[in-house]
């Protein structure tokens, strides 16, 4: 009696799983390397100001009020002699676009 196609066992091709190994350079794994920490400090009038911290706080202050406004250019101008950092958003400034440096 001839065999039907349904009766023949099906062969399933199985591919072995490939394991991802961490890349190595000079005997060290790339996954264990940490990024360098960059900090810019301005010293003026006997005080120190962390520029990256000022910029982050200025941006956070702006976004807390203007949540939906798109920001393409955000610039911070630090004036230690006045104790204030002013900022502009997309080339526009306002009287309330400032951060008091004493509060940092």
N, C-alpha and C. Protein backbone atom coordinates (compact mmCIF):
# COMPACT_ATOMS: atom_id res chain seq x y z
N UNK A 1 0.85 -1.16 0.00
CA UNK A 1 0.00 0.00 0.00
C UNK A 1 0.90 1.23 0.00
N UNK A 2 0.64 2.20 -0.88
CA UNK A 2 1.47 3.39 -0.95
C UNK A 2 1.22 4.29 0.26
N UNK A 3 2.27 4.95 0.64
CA UNK A 3 2.18 5.87 1.78
C UNK A 3 1.60 7.21 1.33
N UNK A 4 0.81 7.77 2.20
CA UNK A 4 0.28 9.10 1.94
C UNK A 4 1.27 10.13 2.46
N UNK A 5 1.18 11.34 1.93
CA UNK A 5 2.07 12.41 2.38
C UNK A 5 1.88 12.71 3.86
N UNK A 6 0.69 12.52 4.34
CA UNK A 6 0.41 12.82 5.74
C UNK A 6 1.08 11.83 6.67
N UNK A 7 1.33 10.62 6.19
CA UNK A 7 1.91 9.58 7.02
C UNK A 7 3.42 9.67 7.14
N UNK A 8 4.07 10.39 6.23
CA UNK A 8 5.53 10.46 6.27
C UNK A 8 5.97 11.41 7.37
N UNK A 9 6.96 11.01 8.12
CA UNK A 9 7.44 11.91 9.19
C UNK A 9 8.10 13.15 8.58
N UNK A 10 7.86 14.29 9.21
CA UNK A 10 8.43 15.56 8.73
C UNK A 10 9.74 15.82 9.44
N UNK A 11 10.68 16.26 8.68
CA UNK A 11 11.97 16.63 9.25
C UNK A 11 11.95 18.11 9.56
N UNK A 12 12.33 18.42 10.74
CA UNK A 12 12.38 19.83 11.15
C UNK A 12 13.84 20.20 11.29
N UNK A 13 14.23 21.19 10.52
CA UNK A 13 15.61 21.66 10.59
C UNK A 13 15.74 22.60 11.77
N UNK A 14 16.63 22.28 12.65
CA UNK A 14 16.83 23.12 13.82
C UNK A 14 18.21 23.74 13.73
N UNK A 15 18.24 25.03 13.91
CA UNK A 15 19.51 25.75 13.91
C UNK A 15 19.96 25.93 15.34
N UNK A 16 21.21 25.72 15.60
CA UNK A 16 21.68 25.96 16.97
C UNK A 16 21.64 27.45 17.27
N UNK A 17 21.31 27.78 18.51
CA UNK A 17 21.27 29.17 18.93
C UNK A 17 22.67 29.74 19.02
N UNK A 18 22.81 30.95 18.52
CA UNK A 18 24.10 31.61 18.61
C UNK A 18 24.14 32.42 19.89
N UNK A 19 25.19 32.25 20.62
CA UNK A 19 25.35 33.01 21.86
C UNK A 19 26.14 34.26 21.56
N UNK A 20 25.66 35.36 22.08
CA UNK A 20 26.38 36.62 21.90
C UNK A 20 27.41 36.76 22.99
N UNK A 21 28.63 36.88 22.58
CA UNK A 21 29.72 37.06 23.53
C UNK A 21 30.11 38.52 23.57
N UNK A 22 30.50 39.04 24.71
CA UNK A 22 30.94 40.44 24.77
C UNK A 22 32.21 40.63 23.95
N UNK A 23 32.26 41.76 23.25
CA UNK A 23 33.45 42.07 22.46
C UNK A 23 34.62 42.35 23.39
N UNK A 24 35.79 41.95 22.95
CA UNK A 24 36.96 42.18 23.78
C UNK A 24 38.01 42.94 22.98
N UNK A 25 38.68 43.84 23.66
CA UNK A 25 39.80 44.55 23.05
C UNK A 25 40.94 44.52 24.04
N UNK A 26 42.06 44.09 23.58
CA UNK A 26 43.27 44.04 24.41
C UNK A 26 43.03 43.31 25.73
N UNK A 27 42.22 42.27 25.67
CA UNK A 27 41.99 41.47 26.86
C UNK A 27 40.96 42.03 27.82
N UNK A 28 40.33 43.16 27.50
CA UNK A 28 39.34 43.76 28.39
C UNK A 28 37.98 43.79 27.69
N UNK A 29 36.95 43.50 28.40
CA UNK A 29 35.61 43.52 27.85
C UNK A 29 35.14 44.97 27.68
N UNK A 30 34.48 45.26 26.56
CA UNK A 30 33.97 46.62 26.31
C UNK A 30 32.79 46.95 27.21
N UNK A 31 32.09 45.93 27.69
CA UNK A 31 30.92 46.17 28.53
C UNK A 31 31.28 46.70 29.91
N UNK A 32 32.50 46.51 30.34
CA UNK A 32 32.86 46.95 31.68
C UNK A 32 33.43 48.36 31.70
N UNK A 33 33.69 48.94 30.54
CA UNK A 33 34.26 50.29 30.50
C UNK A 33 33.16 51.32 30.75
N UNK A 34 33.44 52.27 31.60
CA UNK A 34 32.49 53.34 31.91
C UNK A 34 32.88 54.59 31.14
N UNK A 35 31.89 55.41 30.87
CA UNK A 35 32.13 56.68 30.19
C UNK A 35 32.83 57.64 31.13
N UNK A 36 33.64 58.50 30.55
CA UNK A 36 34.34 59.51 31.34
C UNK A 36 33.34 60.54 31.84
N UNK A 37 33.56 61.05 33.02
CA UNK A 37 32.72 62.09 33.60
C UNK A 37 33.37 63.43 33.29
N UNK A 38 32.63 64.28 32.57
CA UNK A 38 33.13 65.60 32.20
C UNK A 38 32.46 66.65 33.07
N UNK A 39 33.25 67.51 33.66
CA UNK A 39 32.73 68.57 34.51
C UNK A 39 33.46 69.86 34.16
N UNK A 40 32.69 70.94 34.03
CA UNK A 40 33.28 72.26 33.79
C UNK A 40 32.93 73.15 34.96
N UNK A 41 33.95 73.67 35.62
CA UNK A 41 33.77 74.52 36.79
C UNK A 41 34.29 75.92 36.46
N UNK A 42 33.50 76.93 36.79
CA UNK A 42 33.93 78.31 36.65
C UNK A 42 34.16 78.85 38.06
N UNK A 43 35.34 79.44 38.28
CA UNK A 43 35.64 80.05 39.56
C UNK A 43 35.66 81.56 39.37
N UNK A 44 34.83 82.24 40.15
CA UNK A 44 34.75 83.70 40.05
C UNK A 44 34.29 84.25 41.40
N UNK A 45 34.91 85.32 41.83
CA UNK A 45 34.51 85.99 43.07
C UNK A 45 34.57 85.09 44.29
N UNK A 46 35.52 84.16 44.31
CA UNK A 46 35.65 83.27 45.45
C UNK A 46 34.62 82.16 45.50
N UNK A 47 33.89 81.97 44.42
CA UNK A 47 32.88 80.91 44.37
C UNK A 47 33.17 79.99 43.19
N UNK A 48 32.61 78.78 43.24
CA UNK A 48 32.72 77.83 42.14
C UNK A 48 31.32 77.52 41.62
N UNK A 49 31.21 77.44 40.28
CA UNK A 49 29.93 77.14 39.65
C UNK A 49 30.13 76.00 38.67
N UNK A 50 29.32 74.95 38.81
CA UNK A 50 29.35 73.81 37.89
C UNK A 50 28.44 74.16 36.70
N UNK A 51 29.03 74.39 35.55
CA UNK A 51 28.29 74.85 34.37
C UNK A 51 27.25 73.83 33.92
N UNK A 52 27.60 72.55 33.90
CA UNK A 52 26.65 71.54 33.44
C UNK A 52 25.44 71.45 34.38
N UNK A 53 25.68 71.65 35.66
CA UNK A 53 24.59 71.64 36.63
C UNK A 53 23.68 72.85 36.43
N UNK A 54 24.27 74.00 36.15
CA UNK A 54 23.48 75.21 35.91
C UNK A 54 22.61 75.03 34.68
N UNK A 55 23.18 74.50 33.60
CA UNK A 55 22.43 74.29 32.36
C UNK A 55 21.28 73.30 32.57
N UNK A 56 21.53 72.22 33.30
CA UNK A 56 20.49 71.22 33.55
C UNK A 56 19.35 71.81 34.36
N UNK A 57 19.67 72.60 35.37
CA UNK A 57 18.64 73.21 36.21
C UNK A 57 17.86 74.28 35.45
N UNK A 58 18.53 75.02 34.59
CA UNK A 58 17.84 76.02 33.78
C UNK A 58 16.86 75.34 32.82
N UNK A 59 17.29 74.28 32.18
CA UNK A 59 16.42 73.56 31.25
C UNK A 59 15.23 72.94 31.99
N UNK A 60 15.48 72.38 33.15
CA UNK A 60 14.41 71.78 33.95
C UNK A 60 13.39 72.85 34.38
N UNK A 61 13.89 74.02 34.77
CA UNK A 61 13.00 75.12 35.16
C UNK A 61 12.14 75.56 33.98
N UNK A 62 12.73 75.64 32.81
CA UNK A 62 11.97 76.04 31.62
C UNK A 62 10.90 75.00 31.28
N UNK A 63 11.29 73.72 31.26
CA UNK A 63 10.35 72.66 30.87
C UNK A 63 9.25 72.45 31.91
N UNK A 64 9.48 72.85 33.16
CA UNK A 64 8.43 72.70 34.17
C UNK A 64 7.27 73.66 33.88
N UNK A 65 7.55 74.76 33.21
CA UNK A 65 6.51 75.74 32.87
C UNK A 65 6.02 75.54 31.44
N UNK A 66 6.91 75.23 30.52
CA UNK A 66 6.59 75.10 29.09
C UNK A 66 6.75 73.64 28.67
N UNK A 67 5.85 72.79 29.10
CA UNK A 67 5.99 71.35 28.90
C UNK A 67 5.90 70.93 27.43
N UNK A 68 5.07 71.56 26.66
CA UNK A 68 4.82 71.11 25.29
C UNK A 68 5.60 71.87 24.23
N UNK A 69 6.32 72.88 24.61
CA UNK A 69 7.04 73.67 23.62
C UNK A 69 8.30 72.94 23.17
N UNK A 70 8.50 72.90 21.85
CA UNK A 70 9.67 72.24 21.28
C UNK A 70 10.91 73.12 21.47
N UNK A 71 11.99 72.51 21.92
CA UNK A 71 13.24 73.23 22.14
C UNK A 71 14.28 72.68 21.18
N UNK A 72 14.77 73.54 20.29
CA UNK A 72 15.83 73.09 19.38
C UNK A 72 17.17 73.69 19.78
N UNK A 73 17.17 74.90 20.34
CA UNK A 73 18.41 75.54 20.79
C UNK A 73 18.17 76.12 22.18
N UNK A 74 19.00 75.68 23.13
CA UNK A 74 18.90 76.16 24.50
C UNK A 74 20.28 76.66 24.91
N UNK A 75 20.39 77.95 25.16
CA UNK A 75 21.69 78.54 25.53
C UNK A 75 21.62 79.14 26.91
N UNK A 76 22.72 78.96 27.66
CA UNK A 76 22.81 79.49 29.02
C UNK A 76 23.97 80.46 29.08
N UNK A 77 23.73 81.64 29.66
CA UNK A 77 24.75 82.67 29.81
C UNK A 77 24.94 82.90 31.31
N UNK A 78 26.11 82.54 31.81
CA UNK A 78 26.40 82.65 33.24
C UNK A 78 27.08 83.98 33.50
N UNK A 79 26.52 84.76 34.42
CA UNK A 79 27.09 86.05 34.80
C UNK A 79 27.37 86.01 36.30
N UNK A 80 28.56 85.48 36.69
CA UNK A 80 28.87 85.35 38.12
C UNK A 80 28.89 86.68 38.86
N UNK A 81 29.26 87.76 38.17
CA UNK A 81 29.30 89.06 38.84
C UNK A 81 27.92 89.53 39.26
N UNK A 82 26.87 89.06 38.56
CA UNK A 82 25.49 89.38 38.94
C UNK A 82 24.86 88.27 39.78
N UNK A 83 25.52 87.11 39.84
CA UNK A 83 24.98 85.98 40.59
C UNK A 83 23.79 85.32 39.91
N UNK A 84 23.74 85.42 38.57
CA UNK A 84 22.59 84.92 37.82
C UNK A 84 23.08 84.23 36.55
N UNK A 85 22.31 83.24 36.10
CA UNK A 85 22.52 82.62 34.79
C UNK A 85 21.25 82.87 33.98
N UNK A 86 21.41 83.51 32.83
CA UNK A 86 20.28 83.76 31.94
C UNK A 86 20.27 82.69 30.86
N UNK A 87 19.08 82.42 30.30
CA UNK A 87 19.02 81.45 29.21
C UNK A 87 18.06 81.92 28.13
N UNK A 88 18.31 81.43 26.93
CA UNK A 88 17.44 81.70 25.80
C UNK A 88 16.97 80.36 25.24
N UNK A 89 15.77 80.37 24.68
CA UNK A 89 15.18 79.17 24.10
C UNK A 89 14.81 79.48 22.66
N UNK A 90 15.39 78.72 21.75
CA UNK A 90 15.16 78.92 20.32
C UNK A 90 15.44 80.37 19.91
N UNK A 91 16.44 80.97 20.52
CA UNK A 91 16.84 82.34 20.19
C UNK A 91 16.04 83.43 20.87
N UNK A 92 15.10 83.06 21.73
CA UNK A 92 14.26 84.06 22.41
C UNK A 92 14.52 84.03 23.90
N UNK A 93 14.53 85.20 24.50
CA UNK A 93 14.71 85.33 25.94
C UNK A 93 13.51 86.01 26.57
N UNK A 94 13.47 86.01 27.89
CA UNK A 94 12.40 86.68 28.63
C UNK A 94 12.97 87.09 29.98
N UNK A 95 12.27 87.97 30.65
CA UNK A 95 12.73 88.46 31.95
C UNK A 95 12.81 87.34 32.99
N UNK A 96 11.94 86.35 32.87
CA UNK A 96 11.94 85.28 33.87
C UNK A 96 12.82 84.09 33.47
N UNK A 97 13.55 84.19 32.37
CA UNK A 97 14.47 83.12 31.94
C UNK A 97 15.81 83.29 32.63
N UNK A 98 15.84 83.06 33.94
CA UNK A 98 17.08 83.19 34.68
C UNK A 98 17.08 82.25 35.89
N UNK A 99 18.28 81.91 36.33
CA UNK A 99 18.49 81.05 37.49
C UNK A 99 19.39 81.80 38.47
N UNK A 100 18.99 81.85 39.72
CA UNK A 100 19.80 82.49 40.76
C UNK A 100 20.92 81.53 41.14
N UNK A 101 22.15 81.94 40.99
CA UNK A 101 23.29 81.08 41.27
C UNK A 101 23.44 80.79 42.76
N UNK A 102 22.93 81.64 43.61
CA UNK A 102 23.03 81.41 45.06
C UNK A 102 22.16 80.22 45.48
N UNK A 103 21.13 79.92 44.68
CA UNK A 103 20.24 78.81 45.03
C UNK A 103 20.81 77.45 44.65
N UNK A 104 21.93 77.45 43.97
CA UNK A 104 22.52 76.16 43.54
C UNK A 104 23.38 75.64 44.59
